[in-house]
Structures are given as structure tokens and as C-alpha cells.
N, C-alpha and C. Protein backbone atom coordinates (compact mmCIF):
# COMPACT_ATOMS: atom_id res chain seq x y z
N MET A 1 -25.18 1.36 8.78
CA MET A 1 -24.54 0.31 7.98
C MET A 1 -23.08 0.04 9.39
N ALA A 2 -23.22 -1.36 9.15
CA ALA A 2 -22.07 -1.88 9.93
C ALA A 2 -20.56 -1.50 9.53
N VAL A 3 -19.74 -1.38 10.23
CA VAL A 3 -18.43 -0.96 9.84
C VAL A 3 -17.67 -1.77 8.51
N SER A 4 -18.38 -3.42 9.17
CA SER A 4 -17.45 -4.40 7.72
C SER A 4 -17.98 -3.79 6.65
N GLU A 5 -19.39 -3.26 6.40
CA GLU A 5 -20.51 -3.40 5.09
C GLU A 5 -20.10 -1.88 4.47
N ARG A 6 -19.56 -1.18 5.23
CA ARG A 6 -19.32 0.53 4.77
C ARG A 6 -17.77 0.37 3.78
N PHE A 7 -16.73 -0.21 4.63
CA PHE A 7 -15.68 -0.76 4.12
C PHE A 7 -15.70 -1.86 2.83
N GLY A 8 -16.58 -2.42 3.09
CA GLY A 8 -16.81 -3.11 2.15
C GLY A 8 -17.44 -3.08 1.07
N SER A 9 -18.15 -1.80 0.73
CA SER A 9 -19.39 -1.63 0.02
C SER A 9 -18.44 -1.12 -1.17
N PRO A 10 -19.53 -1.71 -2.40
CA PRO A 10 -18.60 -0.63 -3.75
C PRO A 10 -18.27 0.27 -3.57
N ARG A 11 -19.25 1.60 -3.11
CA ARG A 11 -19.05 2.81 -3.01
C ARG A 11 -17.50 3.32 -2.36
N PHE A 12 -17.08 2.42 -1.35
CA PHE A 12 -15.73 2.24 -1.00
C PHE A 12 -14.56 2.10 -1.88
N VAL A 13 -14.96 1.17 -2.31
CA VAL A 13 -13.86 0.72 -3.65
C VAL A 13 -13.70 1.59 -4.59
N ARG A 14 -14.80 2.04 -5.02
CA ARG A 14 -14.97 2.66 -6.09
C ARG A 14 -14.14 4.91 -5.54
N ARG A 15 -13.97 4.28 -4.42
CA ARG A 15 -14.19 6.11 -3.78
C ARG A 15 -12.38 5.80 -3.44
N VAL A 16 -11.53 4.26 -3.68
CA VAL A 16 -10.12 4.12 -3.68
C VAL A 16 -9.65 4.09 -4.71
N THR A 17 -10.78 3.38 -6.00
CA THR A 17 -9.91 3.78 -6.98
C THR A 17 -10.38 4.72 -8.26
N MET A 18 -11.12 5.64 -7.73
CA MET A 18 -11.04 7.26 -8.27
C MET A 18 -9.79 7.91 -7.46
N VAL A 19 -9.45 7.97 -6.84
CA VAL A 19 -8.39 8.53 -5.97
C VAL A 19 -7.00 8.04 -6.57
N ALA A 20 -7.05 6.37 -6.95
CA ALA A 20 -5.99 6.55 -7.54
C ALA A 20 -5.69 6.96 -8.90
N ALA A 21 -6.75 6.94 -9.45
CA ALA A 21 -6.60 7.67 -10.76
C ALA A 21 -6.06 9.45 -10.97
N LEU A 22 -7.38 9.76 -10.02
CA LEU A 22 -6.76 11.12 -9.71
C LEU A 22 -4.87 11.35 -9.75
N VAL A 23 -4.60 10.52 -8.57
CA VAL A 23 -3.38 10.39 -8.55
C VAL A 23 -2.13 10.00 -9.76
N LEU A 24 -2.68 9.35 -10.75
CA LEU A 24 -2.15 9.04 -11.89
C LEU A 24 -1.84 10.07 -12.97
N ILE A 25 -3.18 10.97 -12.88
CA ILE A 25 -3.75 11.87 -13.78
C ILE A 25 -2.42 13.19 -13.08
N ALA A 26 -2.24 13.18 -11.77
CA ALA A 26 -1.55 14.65 -11.38
C ALA A 26 -0.28 14.59 -11.31
N GLY A 27 0.47 12.89 -11.35
CA GLY A 27 1.99 12.30 -10.97
C GLY A 27 2.50 12.13 -10.19
N ILE A 28 1.57 12.73 -8.63
CA ILE A 28 2.19 12.80 -6.93
C ILE A 28 0.54 13.36 -6.61
N VAL A 29 0.65 12.37 -5.21
CA VAL A 29 -0.16 12.93 -4.37
C VAL A 29 0.63 13.32 -3.08
N VAL A 30 0.33 14.73 -2.21
CA VAL A 30 1.17 15.45 -1.21
C VAL A 30 -0.19 15.30 -0.09
N PHE A 31 1.02 14.28 1.31
CA PHE A 31 0.01 14.24 2.17
C PHE A 31 0.37 15.06 3.46
N THR A 32 -0.18 15.69 4.18
CA THR A 32 -0.33 16.57 5.15
C THR A 32 0.19 16.17 5.80
N ILE A 33 1.38 17.15 7.09
CA ILE A 33 1.31 16.13 8.04
C ILE A 33 -0.18 16.34 9.28
N ALA A 34 -0.80 17.30 8.56
CA ALA A 34 -1.96 17.22 9.41
C ALA A 34 -2.48 15.38 9.93
N PHE A 35 -2.49 14.33 8.74
CA PHE A 35 -3.03 13.40 9.10
C PHE A 35 -2.13 12.06 9.64
N PHE A 36 -0.48 12.81 9.59
CA PHE A 36 0.60 12.22 9.89
C PHE A 36 1.43 12.38 11.09
N GLY A 37 0.41 13.40 11.78
CA GLY A 37 1.38 14.02 13.12
C GLY A 37 2.23 14.94 12.87
N ASN A 38 2.51 15.76 14.14
CA ASN A 38 2.96 17.13 13.93
C ASN A 38 4.37 16.78 14.19
N THR A 39 5.47 16.27 13.03
CA THR A 39 6.29 16.01 12.72
C THR A 39 6.98 17.49 12.23
N ALA A 40 6.51 18.46 11.94
CA ALA A 40 7.15 19.50 11.46
C ALA A 40 6.47 20.48 11.63
N GLU A 41 7.64 22.30 12.24
CA GLU A 41 6.09 23.57 12.36
C GLU A 41 5.48 23.71 11.44
N ASP A 42 6.08 23.13 10.34
CA ASP A 42 4.35 24.14 9.17
C ASP A 42 3.72 22.58 8.98
N GLU A 43 2.53 22.82 9.43
CA GLU A 43 1.25 21.85 8.96
C GLU A 43 0.82 21.41 7.55
N SER A 44 1.70 22.69 6.38
CA SER A 44 1.61 22.63 5.11
C SER A 44 2.22 21.95 4.55
N THR A 45 3.36 21.53 5.33
CA THR A 45 4.77 20.80 4.52
C THR A 45 4.42 19.63 4.14
N PRO A 46 4.47 19.39 2.75
CA PRO A 46 4.48 17.65 2.41
C PRO A 46 5.02 17.07 2.97
N VAL A 47 4.74 15.93 3.75
CA VAL A 47 5.86 14.54 4.04
C VAL A 47 6.41 14.17 3.29
N ARG A 48 8.16 14.22 3.58
CA ARG A 48 9.05 13.55 3.31
C ARG A 48 9.19 13.67 3.97
N PRO A 49 10.62 12.06 3.82
CA PRO A 49 11.99 11.87 4.23
C PRO A 49 12.71 13.04 4.88
N ALA A 50 13.17 13.02 6.00
CA ALA A 50 14.13 13.97 7.14
C ALA A 50 15.17 14.23 6.60
N ALA A 51 16.42 15.51 6.63
CA ALA A 51 17.71 15.19 6.07
C ALA A 51 18.23 14.39 6.99
N GLY A 52 19.29 13.09 5.89
CA GLY A 52 20.25 12.54 6.27
C GLY A 52 19.23 11.17 6.46
N GLN A 53 17.77 10.85 5.67
CA GLN A 53 17.44 9.62 5.80
C GLN A 53 16.72 9.58 4.72
N ALA A 54 16.69 8.14 4.08
CA ALA A 54 15.75 7.81 3.20
C ALA A 54 14.80 7.18 3.42
N ALA A 55 13.76 6.64 2.09
CA ALA A 55 12.88 6.30 2.03
C ALA A 55 13.23 4.64 1.47
N ALA A 56 13.06 3.64 2.45
CA ALA A 56 13.13 2.45 2.20
C ALA A 56 11.78 1.98 0.91
N GLN A 57 11.92 1.86 0.03
CA GLN A 57 11.27 1.06 -1.04
C GLN A 57 11.12 -0.02 -1.44
N PRO A 58 10.34 -1.12 -2.38
CA PRO A 58 10.42 -2.35 -2.81
C PRO A 58 10.95 -2.07 -4.66
N SER A 59 11.17 -2.89 -5.39
CA SER A 59 10.77 -2.98 -6.81
C SER A 59 10.13 -3.54 -7.13
N ALA A 60 9.17 -3.14 -7.88
CA ALA A 60 8.43 -4.15 -8.71
C ALA A 60 8.54 -5.45 -8.53
N ALA A 61 7.76 -6.75 -8.36
CA ALA A 61 7.94 -7.77 -8.44
C ALA A 61 8.00 -8.14 -9.72
N GLY A 62 9.60 -8.86 -9.92
CA GLY A 62 10.07 -9.56 -11.34
C GLY A 62 10.08 -8.70 -12.62
N ALA A 63 10.69 -7.51 -11.84
CA ALA A 63 10.62 -6.19 -12.96
C ALA A 63 11.91 -6.41 -13.20
N GLN A 64 12.04 -6.05 -15.02
CA GLN A 64 13.60 -6.38 -15.79
C GLN A 64 13.63 -4.60 -15.53
N ALA A 65 15.05 -4.42 -15.54
CA ALA A 65 15.65 -3.16 -15.88
C ALA A 65 15.19 -2.84 -17.12
N ASN A 66 15.01 -3.64 -18.22
CA ASN A 66 14.74 -2.57 -19.63
C ASN A 66 13.17 -2.65 -19.41
N GLN A 67 12.48 -3.59 -18.89
CA GLN A 67 10.91 -2.87 -19.01
C GLN A 67 10.58 -1.43 -19.40
N ARG A 68 9.62 -1.38 -19.93
CA ARG A 68 8.99 0.25 -20.11
C ARG A 68 7.92 0.69 -19.22
N THR A 69 8.20 1.79 -18.49
CA THR A 69 6.62 2.42 -18.13
C THR A 69 5.63 2.52 -18.57
N VAL A 70 4.55 2.09 -18.27
CA VAL A 70 3.26 2.04 -18.64
C VAL A 70 1.91 2.94 -17.81
N PRO A 71 0.98 3.08 -18.46
CA PRO A 71 0.15 3.83 -17.63
C PRO A 71 -0.18 2.88 -16.89
N LEU A 72 -0.62 3.40 -15.58
CA LEU A 72 -1.41 2.77 -14.42
C LEU A 72 -2.56 1.92 -14.63
N ASP A 73 -2.49 0.02 -14.65
CA ASP A 73 -3.67 -0.28 -15.26
C ASP A 73 -4.83 -0.11 -13.46
N THR A 74 -5.87 0.39 -14.18
CA THR A 74 -6.90 0.75 -12.76
C THR A 74 -7.45 -0.67 -12.04
N LYS A 75 -6.76 -1.77 -13.24
CA LYS A 75 -8.04 -2.90 -12.26
C LYS A 75 -6.62 -3.44 -11.19
N ALA A 76 -5.43 -3.11 -11.19
CA ALA A 76 -4.32 -2.97 -10.31
C ALA A 76 -4.41 -2.25 -9.06
N THR A 77 -5.12 -1.08 -9.08
CA THR A 77 -5.57 -0.37 -8.22
C THR A 77 -6.89 -0.87 -7.64
N THR A 78 -7.93 -1.63 -8.06
CA THR A 78 -9.03 -1.78 -7.38
C THR A 78 -8.48 -2.87 -6.62
N VAL A 79 -7.64 -4.26 -7.01
CA VAL A 79 -7.21 -4.82 -6.78
C VAL A 79 -6.73 -4.81 -5.10
N ALA A 80 -5.67 -3.61 -5.32
CA ALA A 80 -4.91 -3.13 -3.94
C ALA A 80 -6.26 -2.78 -2.72
N GLY A 81 -7.09 -2.12 -3.16
CA GLY A 81 -8.05 -1.22 -2.25
C GLY A 81 -8.69 -2.51 -1.95
N LYS A 82 -9.42 -3.57 -2.25
CA LYS A 82 -9.75 -4.62 -2.02
C LYS A 82 -9.24 -5.63 -0.72
N PHE A 83 -7.74 -5.74 -1.11
CA PHE A 83 -6.87 -5.84 0.03
C PHE A 83 -6.98 -5.27 0.91
N ILE A 84 -6.85 -3.88 1.23
CA ILE A 84 -6.50 -3.37 1.77
C ILE A 84 -8.25 -3.71 2.86
N LEU A 85 -8.95 -3.43 2.46
CA LEU A 85 -10.66 -3.95 3.39
C LEU A 85 -10.71 -5.04 3.40
N SER A 86 -10.02 -5.74 2.67
CA SER A 86 -9.59 -7.29 3.17
C SER A 86 -8.91 -7.92 3.83
N ALA A 87 -7.70 -7.49 3.46
CA ALA A 87 -6.96 -8.50 4.40
C ALA A 87 -5.93 -7.40 5.34
N VAL A 88 -5.78 -6.56 4.63
CA VAL A 88 -4.98 -5.20 5.92
C VAL A 88 -5.88 -5.25 7.55
N THR A 89 -7.69 -4.77 6.99
CA THR A 89 -8.46 -4.43 8.24
C THR A 89 -9.22 -6.22 8.78
N ARG A 90 -8.62 -7.04 8.02
CA ARG A 90 -8.66 -8.59 8.82
C ARG A 90 -10.15 -9.14 8.93
N GLU A 91 -10.70 -8.43 7.49
CA GLU A 91 -12.37 -8.49 7.40
C GLU A 91 -13.02 -8.96 6.67
N ASN A 92 -12.16 -9.91 5.51
CA ASN A 92 -12.37 -10.70 4.62
C ASN A 92 -11.11 -11.46 4.47
N MET A 93 -10.60 -12.18 5.31
CA MET A 93 -9.89 -13.31 4.85
C MET A 93 -9.78 -14.01 3.71
N ALA A 94 -11.15 -14.41 4.02
CA ALA A 94 -10.93 -15.56 3.06
C ALA A 94 -11.03 -14.91 0.95
N GLN A 95 -11.62 -13.47 0.77
CA GLN A 95 -11.20 -12.95 -0.09
C GLN A 95 -10.02 -12.35 -0.42
N ALA A 96 -9.32 -12.42 0.34
CA ALA A 96 -7.56 -12.02 0.73
C ALA A 96 -6.51 -12.51 -0.03
N TRP A 97 -7.08 -13.60 0.73
CA TRP A 97 -6.35 -14.94 0.04
C TRP A 97 -6.92 -15.01 -1.14
N LYS A 98 -7.77 -14.71 -2.11
CA LYS A 98 -7.95 -15.51 -3.76
C LYS A 98 -7.16 -14.14 -4.04
N LEU A 99 -7.00 -12.60 -3.26
CA LEU A 99 -5.92 -11.64 -3.98
C LEU A 99 -4.77 -11.65 -3.69
N THR A 100 -3.99 -12.69 -3.29
CA THR A 100 -2.73 -12.93 -3.15
C THR A 100 -1.92 -13.59 -3.93
N ASP A 101 -0.67 -13.68 -3.99
CA ASP A 101 0.21 -14.54 -4.90
C ASP A 101 0.40 -15.84 -3.74
N PRO A 102 0.19 -16.58 -4.13
CA PRO A 102 0.70 -17.99 -3.30
C PRO A 102 1.89 -18.04 -2.92
N THR A 103 2.94 -17.55 -3.91
CA THR A 103 4.11 -18.08 -3.50
C THR A 103 5.11 -16.45 -2.29
N SER A 104 4.07 -15.59 -2.69
CA SER A 104 5.12 -14.37 -2.29
C SER A 104 5.11 -14.93 -0.83
N GLU A 105 5.88 -13.51 -0.16
CA GLU A 105 5.90 -13.25 1.48
C GLU A 105 5.10 -13.51 2.20
N ILE A 106 4.23 -12.50 1.35
CA ILE A 106 2.95 -12.10 2.73
C ILE A 106 1.73 -13.50 3.01
N ARG A 107 1.93 -14.71 2.00
CA ARG A 107 1.80 -15.94 2.15
C ARG A 107 2.31 -17.06 2.62
N GLN A 108 3.27 -16.15 3.60
CA GLN A 108 4.46 -17.18 4.44
C GLN A 108 3.96 -16.99 5.93
N CYS A 109 4.32 -18.57 6.51
CA CYS A 109 3.97 -18.20 7.88
C CYS A 109 5.07 -18.95 8.21
N GLY A 110 5.77 -18.26 8.90
CA GLY A 110 7.29 -18.67 9.07
C GLY A 110 7.93 -18.91 8.06
N GLU A 111 8.94 -20.10 7.93
CA GLU A 111 9.67 -20.65 6.87
C GLU A 111 8.51 -21.10 5.62
N ARG A 112 7.31 -21.39 6.14
CA ARG A 112 6.71 -22.53 5.53
C ARG A 112 5.55 -21.48 4.58
N PRO A 113 4.69 -21.84 3.79
CA PRO A 113 3.59 -21.32 3.27
C PRO A 113 2.45 -21.11 4.23
N CYS A 114 1.34 -20.53 4.22
CA CYS A 114 0.30 -20.45 5.17
C CYS A 114 -0.29 -21.38 5.01
N THR A 115 -1.06 -22.29 6.02
CA THR A 115 -2.18 -23.10 5.19
C THR A 115 -3.59 -21.97 5.48
N TYR A 116 -4.42 -22.55 4.41
CA TYR A 116 -5.73 -21.81 4.39
C TYR A 116 -6.14 -21.30 5.65
N LYS A 117 -6.45 -22.45 6.80
CA LYS A 117 -6.99 -22.23 8.27
C LYS A 117 -5.88 -21.54 8.84
N GLU A 118 -4.47 -21.35 8.82
CA GLU A 118 -3.55 -20.52 9.39
C GLU A 118 -4.26 -18.87 9.17
N TRP A 119 -4.50 -18.64 7.34
CA TRP A 119 -4.39 -17.42 6.54
C TRP A 119 -5.57 -17.14 7.35
N LEU A 120 -6.86 -17.93 7.44
CA LEU A 120 -8.17 -17.28 7.80
C LEU A 120 -7.78 -16.81 9.57
N SER A 121 -6.92 -17.10 10.26
CA SER A 121 -7.12 -16.82 11.64
C SER A 121 -7.11 -15.19 11.41
N GLY A 122 -5.62 -15.23 10.41
CA GLY A 122 -5.37 -13.33 10.34
C GLY A 122 -4.25 -13.41 11.15
N ASP A 123 -3.25 -14.51 11.90
CA ASP A 123 -2.27 -14.43 12.22
C ASP A 123 -1.18 -14.58 10.97
N VAL A 124 -0.73 -13.85 10.16
CA VAL A 124 -0.10 -13.27 8.63
C VAL A 124 0.76 -12.20 8.82
N PRO A 125 1.48 -11.97 7.90
CA PRO A 125 2.52 -11.14 8.26
C PRO A 125 2.25 -10.02 7.17
N ILE A 126 0.77 -9.56 7.75
CA ILE A 126 0.19 -8.47 7.40
C ILE A 126 0.19 -7.24 8.30
N GLN A 127 0.46 -6.08 8.58
CA GLN A 127 0.38 -5.23 9.54
C GLN A 127 -0.87 -4.49 9.37
N VAL A 128 -1.63 -4.61 10.32
CA VAL A 128 -3.31 -4.42 10.41
C VAL A 128 -3.33 -2.81 10.62
N PHE A 129 -4.86 -2.48 9.94
CA PHE A 129 -4.95 -1.25 10.26
C PHE A 129 -5.88 -2.06 10.48
N PRO A 130 -7.12 -1.65 11.69
CA PRO A 130 -8.52 -1.77 11.74
C PRO A 130 -9.66 -1.06 11.00
N ALA A 131 -10.40 -1.42 10.36
CA ALA A 131 -11.48 -1.23 9.56
C ALA A 131 -12.52 0.01 10.69
N SER A 132 -11.57 -0.14 12.01
CA SER A 132 -13.06 0.82 12.95
C SER A 132 -12.55 2.11 12.82
N GLU A 133 -11.23 2.53 12.12
CA GLU A 133 -10.57 3.21 12.47
C GLU A 133 -9.63 4.03 11.58
N LEU A 134 -10.43 3.23 10.17
CA LEU A 134 -9.92 3.68 8.70
C LEU A 134 -11.01 4.62 7.93
N ASP A 135 -10.66 5.66 7.75
CA ASP A 135 -11.41 7.07 6.77
C ASP A 135 -11.52 6.50 5.20
N ASP A 136 -9.57 6.47 5.01
CA ASP A 136 -10.01 6.54 3.41
C ASP A 136 -8.15 6.19 3.36
N ALA A 137 -7.91 6.04 2.22
CA ALA A 137 -6.66 5.36 0.93
C ALA A 137 -6.41 5.83 0.08
N THR A 138 -5.21 6.71 -0.06
CA THR A 138 -4.74 6.55 -1.16
C THR A 138 -3.90 5.89 -1.42
N PHE A 139 -3.75 6.70 -2.82
CA PHE A 139 -2.57 5.90 -3.58
C PHE A 139 -1.59 7.11 -4.64
N ALA A 140 -0.20 6.09 -4.28
CA ALA A 140 0.50 7.47 -5.33
C ALA A 140 1.76 6.26 -6.25
N VAL A 141 1.28 6.03 -7.28
CA VAL A 141 2.23 5.48 -7.88
C VAL A 141 3.94 5.53 -7.90
N ASN A 142 4.45 3.97 -7.63
CA ASN A 142 5.85 4.72 -7.80
C ASN A 142 6.79 3.69 -8.86
N GLU A 143 5.98 2.82 -9.18
CA GLU A 143 6.06 1.78 -10.65
C GLU A 143 5.36 1.20 -11.22
N SER A 144 5.10 1.75 -12.43
CA SER A 144 4.28 1.28 -13.32
C SER A 144 4.46 -0.25 -14.41
N LEU A 145 4.87 -1.16 -14.17
CA LEU A 145 5.47 -1.75 -15.33
C LEU A 145 4.56 -2.80 -15.99
N PRO A 146 4.54 -3.23 -16.84
CA PRO A 146 3.71 -4.06 -17.97
C PRO A 146 3.32 -5.27 -16.83
N GLY A 147 4.21 -6.31 -16.13
CA GLY A 147 3.35 -6.98 -15.55
C GLY A 147 3.45 -6.66 -14.34
N SER A 148 3.40 -5.66 -13.70
CA SER A 148 3.96 -5.43 -12.06
C SER A 148 3.92 -3.93 -12.28
N VAL A 149 3.46 -3.63 -10.57
CA VAL A 149 3.20 -2.45 -10.06
C VAL A 149 3.85 -2.15 -8.92
N VAL A 150 3.79 -0.99 -8.23
CA VAL A 150 4.38 -0.67 -6.95
C VAL A 150 3.24 0.56 -6.31
N LEU A 151 2.68 0.61 -5.72
CA LEU A 151 1.64 1.87 -5.05
C LEU A 151 2.49 1.87 -3.50
N GLU A 152 2.18 3.45 -3.37
CA GLU A 152 2.68 3.93 -2.58
C GLU A 152 1.55 4.50 -1.66
N VAL A 153 0.87 3.84 -0.61
CA VAL A 153 -0.58 3.93 -0.02
C VAL A 153 -0.51 4.95 1.31
N ALA A 154 -1.39 5.87 1.69
CA ALA A 154 -1.56 6.51 2.73
C ALA A 154 -2.87 6.02 3.55
N LEU A 155 -2.64 5.44 4.59
CA LEU A 155 -4.26 5.12 5.33
C LEU A 155 -4.31 6.41 6.05
N LEU A 156 -5.27 6.69 6.40
CA LEU A 156 -6.18 7.97 6.72
C LEU A 156 -7.04 7.93 8.46
N PRO A 157 -6.89 7.66 8.89
CA PRO A 157 -7.33 7.93 10.10
C PRO A 157 -8.78 8.17 10.45
N ARG A 158 -9.71 7.82 11.07
CA ARG A 158 -11.11 8.55 11.09
C ARG A 158 -10.68 9.53 12.15
N ASP A 159 -11.90 10.77 12.70
CA ASP A 159 -11.28 12.05 12.72
C ASP A 159 -11.60 11.88 14.63
N GLY A 160 -10.87 11.93 15.01
CA GLY A 160 -11.08 11.57 16.53
C GLY A 160 -9.78 9.86 16.72
N SER A 161 -9.75 9.64 16.06
CA SER A 161 -9.46 8.37 16.30
C SER A 161 -7.66 8.62 17.02
N GLN A 162 -7.00 7.59 17.92
CA GLN A 162 -5.65 7.41 18.72
C GLN A 162 -4.77 7.32 17.24
N LEU A 163 -5.26 6.46 16.51
CA LEU A 163 -3.97 6.00 15.59
C LEU A 163 -3.67 7.42 14.55
N LYS A 164 -2.48 7.21 13.89
CA LYS A 164 -1.99 8.51 12.83
C LYS A 164 -1.83 7.86 11.63
N GLY A 165 -2.18 8.38 10.66
CA GLY A 165 -2.08 8.05 9.50
C GLY A 165 -0.54 7.34 9.18
N GLN A 166 -0.51 6.31 8.33
CA GLN A 166 0.55 5.28 7.60
C GLN A 166 0.31 5.31 6.26
N PHE A 167 2.04 5.60 6.51
CA PHE A 167 2.31 4.87 5.16
C PHE A 167 2.60 3.67 4.52
N PHE A 168 2.20 3.08 3.17
CA PHE A 168 2.65 1.58 3.36
C PHE A 168 3.11 1.53 1.98
N PHE A 169 4.35 0.29 1.34
CA PHE A 169 3.86 0.12 -0.05
C PHE A 169 3.36 -1.06 -0.56
N ILE A 170 3.11 -1.29 -1.59
CA ILE A 170 1.87 -2.54 -1.74
C ILE A 170 2.55 -2.86 -3.25
N GLY A 171 3.26 -4.25 -3.77
CA GLY A 171 3.27 -4.27 -4.37
C GLY A 171 2.33 -5.36 -5.35
N LEU A 172 2.17 -5.75 -6.84
CA LEU A 172 0.99 -6.44 -6.99
C LEU A 172 1.83 -7.27 -8.46
N LYS A 173 1.74 -8.07 -9.08
CA LYS A 173 2.67 -8.49 -10.54
C LYS A 173 0.92 -9.41 -10.75
N LYS A 174 1.03 -9.28 -12.30
CA LYS A 174 -0.15 -9.69 -13.20
C LYS A 174 -0.16 -10.52 -13.36
N VAL A 175 -1.12 -11.99 -13.48
CA VAL A 175 -0.67 -13.23 -13.89
C VAL A 175 -1.45 -13.84 -15.49
N GLY A 176 -1.66 -15.01 -15.51
CA GLY A 176 -2.41 -14.96 -17.13
C GLY A 176 -2.16 -14.07 -18.02
N SER A 177 -3.03 -14.43 -19.19
CA SER A 177 -3.07 -13.45 -20.29
C SER A 177 -4.77 -13.25 -21.33
N GLY A 178 -4.64 -12.03 -21.63
CA GLY A 178 -5.75 -12.01 -22.61
C GLY A 178 -6.80 -11.59 -20.95
N LYS A 179 -7.94 -12.33 -21.94
CA LYS A 179 -9.37 -12.20 -20.66
C LYS A 179 -8.88 -12.73 -18.99
N SER A 180 -8.05 -14.09 -19.26
CA SER A 180 -7.53 -14.68 -18.15
C SER A 180 -7.41 -13.72 -17.08
N ALA A 181 -6.39 -12.93 -17.56
CA ALA A 181 -5.27 -12.07 -16.36
C ALA A 181 -5.66 -10.99 -15.88
N ARG A 182 -5.15 -11.09 -14.09
CA ARG A 182 -5.60 -11.10 -13.35
C ARG A 182 -4.19 -10.31 -12.65
N TRP A 183 -5.14 -9.49 -11.26
CA TRP A 183 -3.67 -8.81 -11.07
C TRP A 183 -3.36 -9.41 -9.17
N LEU A 184 -2.83 -9.89 -8.47
CA LEU A 184 -2.44 -10.38 -7.55
C LEU A 184 -1.35 -9.53 -6.75
N VAL A 185 -1.49 -9.58 -5.26
CA VAL A 185 -0.95 -9.10 -4.30
C VAL A 185 0.72 -9.36 -4.06
N THR A 186 1.79 -9.22 -3.95
CA THR A 186 2.68 -9.86 -3.87
C THR A 186 3.76 -9.33 -2.80
N TYR A 187 3.33 -7.84 -2.01
CA TYR A 187 4.10 -6.93 -0.80
C TYR A 187 3.18 -6.20 -0.14
N TRP A 188 3.02 -6.00 0.86
CA TRP A 188 2.54 -5.08 1.87
C TRP A 188 3.92 -5.10 3.12
N ALA A 189 4.10 -3.90 3.07
CA ALA A 189 4.99 -3.23 4.06
C ALA A 189 4.81 -2.21 4.53
N PRO A 190 5.44 -1.50 5.40
CA PRO A 190 5.09 -0.21 6.06
C PRO A 190 6.74 0.75 5.07
N ARG A 191 6.04 1.98 4.83
CA ARG A 191 7.47 2.99 4.44
C ARG A 191 7.98 3.30 5.33
N VAL A 192 9.67 2.91 5.40
CA VAL A 192 10.64 2.40 6.29
C VAL A 192 11.44 4.12 5.75
N ILE A 193 11.64 4.75 7.08
CA ILE A 193 12.54 5.61 6.87
C ILE A 193 13.78 5.19 7.74
N ILE A 194 15.12 4.71 5.98
CA ILE A 194 16.27 4.73 6.98
C ILE A 194 17.36 5.22 7.33
N PRO A 195 18.15 5.85 8.40
CA PRO A 195 18.56 6.80 8.59
C PRO A 195 19.94 6.54 7.47
N VAL A 196 20.47 7.64 7.01
CA VAL A 196 21.59 7.38 6.27
C VAL A 196 23.00 7.94 7.03
N PRO A 197 23.98 7.38 6.63
CA PRO A 197 25.41 7.27 7.81
C PRO A 197 25.75 8.66 7.15
N ASN A 198 26.27 9.26 8.31
CA ASN A 198 27.20 10.46 8.21
C ASN A 198 28.50 10.12 7.46
N THR A 199 28.37 11.31 6.44
CA THR A 199 29.61 10.62 5.72
C THR A 199 30.80 11.78 6.65
N GLY A 200 30.89 12.51 7.52
CA GLY A 200 31.79 12.71 8.63
C GLY A 200 32.09 14.34 7.73
N GLU A 201 31.60 14.57 6.86
CA GLU A 201 32.02 16.10 6.17
C GLU A 201 31.53 17.61 6.64
N ALA A 202 32.45 18.02 6.99
CA ALA A 202 31.84 19.23 8.03
C ALA A 202 31.66 20.50 7.34
N ASP A 203 30.35 21.10 7.68
CA ASP A 203 29.74 22.01 6.69
C ASP A 203 30.80 23.32 7.65
N THR A 204 31.28 23.52 5.59
CA THR A 204 32.45 24.56 5.53
C THR A 204 31.39 26.17 6.19
N HIS A 205 30.14 25.91 5.41
CA HIS A 205 29.84 26.86 5.22
C HIS A 205 28.99 27.81 6.31
């Protein structure tokens, strides 16, 4: 089976969705150093920001402070999985066009919205992870509100790949209502570690 067929298969999409469901039940996903390079002495240590650093993360699109958290809608994770398989891998930009919010930054080409032709070219502000290098994707719930979701995504490379695993944030918003309601991707960006400025306080211990 061709790479594009394997990663576009219903089995792989179901696998991504099932992993996300397990994450929801567990409440957290532990990603080990084995997938993300030798950044600690103990390879069983979960990946966390180093001392003096904080992980930059988005707020859910359009989220209001008084909105209640809700269980994650599995339809949102399905859309997230399809977005990864179509846009992030550049395997099916036509499908990705339908999965993204036309008013979002990921549909911008410079200071204006991308045309459909520009979008299909793949020259868009979405960081690529080649399908030929991708083995699996797992999700952790960052925020789940009635009309918006933010997930933390770990893209895991195939054995022997020169690429390392990478963290991303993906944001989605719910549009429409009732049976016509659907989820659209609004945000896709690497999980950035921002250094925290030194306060200058000396360790007296």
C-alpha cells in the first residue's frame, strides 16, 4: 500500500481517534524522551519544559472566561486527525481546505487570505511533517469548551527516521448548530519553549 493510502486510510484515522479517546480517559499523555531525542539522562522521564522555561500554548479560539469545560467531542479529534493526514503531510490539500476555518491565520498567505490555487500548492503557513516519516500521532487535551478545543499533538516518526518527534498545538472551533454543526481547524503551530527571565534571586540554600 502506498504511503499516501496508508496514512489516508480509515484504519489510521480511527487509530488517531482511539488514542485521543484514551487520552481523555487518562487525563494526560506521557511522551518519553525515547521519541524526542536524548534531552535527559533518564529516558523514562516524561518530556517537560526545562527549569527556567515555560511552554507557550494558545487559548481555545473564541474562548470566554466564563465558559465551562466539557468532555472532548470525538468529532473534533477526527477532524484534527484528518487535518494532520491532509495538510501537515501535504498529502491532500483539497481536503484540508474544507477542514480549515477560512478566517484563521493558517489560511493566510502573507497579509491576505490564500487563494484556493495557492493553498493547493502547499506553500502555506502550516509546518510540514512528511507522511513518509510519520508513524503515529497522539493527542492530549489542553482545553475543551462547548465551541472550541485546543489539543497538544505529538507526531512520532517511523523507526530509523532522521526526524525527531515533534509537539504541536492544534486549535479547532465549532461552527453551525444541530446536525449541521462541524469542527474547523483554526490553529496549528509548534509547541514552543520560551525561556523564563532570571529574576536575579540567588539560591541561598
